[in-house]
Amino acid sequence: MRHVIPPRRVPRHRLMPHRSPPPRSGRPAAAAARTSDLILALLGVALLGGLALAAAAAMLGRTLAP
């Protein structure tokens, strides 16, 4: 009759944490920025600039209005 549970542990080979390869001296360590990230950053800067202009126009309108 076979055992349901094996009588000994099953050996596991090469139990090591995965390490990333060391950076090469010819390549820079930082990854290149993706185009979508650059577009999102540009849209964010444009949105903040628009909000700043709107706030300046609102403050200017209050001071010039009688």
Protein backbone atom coordinates (compact mmCIF):
# COMPACT_ATOMS: atom_id res chain seq x y z
CA MET A 1 0.00 0.00 0.00
CA ARG A 2 1.36 3.46 -0.93
CA HIS A 3 1.81 6.24 1.56
CA VAL A 4 -0.39 9.27 1.07
CA ILE A 5 2.32 11.56 2.46
CA PRO A 6 5.85 10.92 1.18
CA PRO A 7 8.13 9.64 3.94
CA ARG A 8 10.89 12.15 3.17
CA ARG A 9 11.11 15.71 1.93
CA VAL A 10 11.38 16.32 -1.75
CA PRO A 11 14.70 18.06 -2.49
CA ARG A 12 14.46 21.51 -3.98
CA HIS A 13 17.36 22.62 -6.10
CA ARG A 14 18.76 26.11 -6.38
CA LEU A 15 16.70 27.90 -3.76
CA MET A 16 18.18 31.35 -4.13
CA PRO A 17 16.51 34.75 -4.30
CA HIS A 18 16.38 36.19 -7.77
CA ARG A 19 18.87 38.98 -8.19
CA SER A 20 19.00 41.50 -10.95
CA PRO A 21 22.22 41.48 -12.95
CA PRO A 22 24.77 44.14 -11.98
CA PRO A 23 24.66 47.30 -14.10
CA ARG A 24 27.09 47.35 -16.98
CA SER A 25 29.70 50.06 -17.11
CA GLY A 26 28.79 51.02 -20.69
CA ARG A 27 25.10 51.65 -19.97
CA PRO A 28 23.50 54.18 -17.64
CA ALA A 29 21.66 52.74 -14.64
CA ALA A 30 18.51 54.88 -15.04
CA ALA A 31 15.78 53.67 -17.37
CA ALA A 32 14.65 55.93 -20.21
CA ALA A 33 11.41 57.85 -19.74
CA ARG A 34 8.48 56.62 -21.78
CA THR A 35 6.68 58.92 -24.17
CA SER A 36 3.37 58.49 -22.33
CA ASP A 37 5.01 59.63 -19.08
CA LEU A 38 6.37 62.73 -20.80
CA ILE A 39 2.96 63.56 -22.28
CA LEU A 40 1.28 63.18 -18.87
CA ALA A 41 3.90 65.43 -17.28
CA LEU A 42 3.36 68.06 -19.98
CA LEU A 43 -0.40 67.94 -19.49
CA GLY A 44 0.05 68.33 -15.74
CA VAL A 45 2.26 71.39 -16.17
CA ALA A 46 -0.22 72.90 -18.63
CA LEU A 47 -3.10 72.28 -16.20
CA LEU A 48 -1.23 73.92 -13.33
CA GLY A 49 -0.35 76.88 -15.54
CA GLY A 50 -3.99 77.26 -16.57
CA LEU A 51 -5.12 77.18 -12.97
CA ALA A 52 -2.53 79.81 -12.05
CA LEU A 53 -3.73 82.05 -14.89
CA ALA A 54 -7.36 81.59 -13.87
CA ALA A 55 -6.54 82.49 -10.26
CA ALA A 56 -4.60 85.56 -11.38
CA ALA A 57 -7.48 86.66 -13.62
CA ALA A 58 -9.97 86.21 -10.77
CA MET A 59 -7.84 88.29 -8.40
CA LEU A 60 -7.30 90.95 -11.05
CA GLY A 61 -11.04 91.06 -11.76
CA ARG A 62 -11.81 91.68 -8.10
CA THR A 63 -9.38 94.57 -7.82
CA LEU A 64 -10.49 96.31 -11.04
CA ALA A 65 -14.25 95.84 -10.55
CA PRO A 66 -15.97 98.77 -8.84
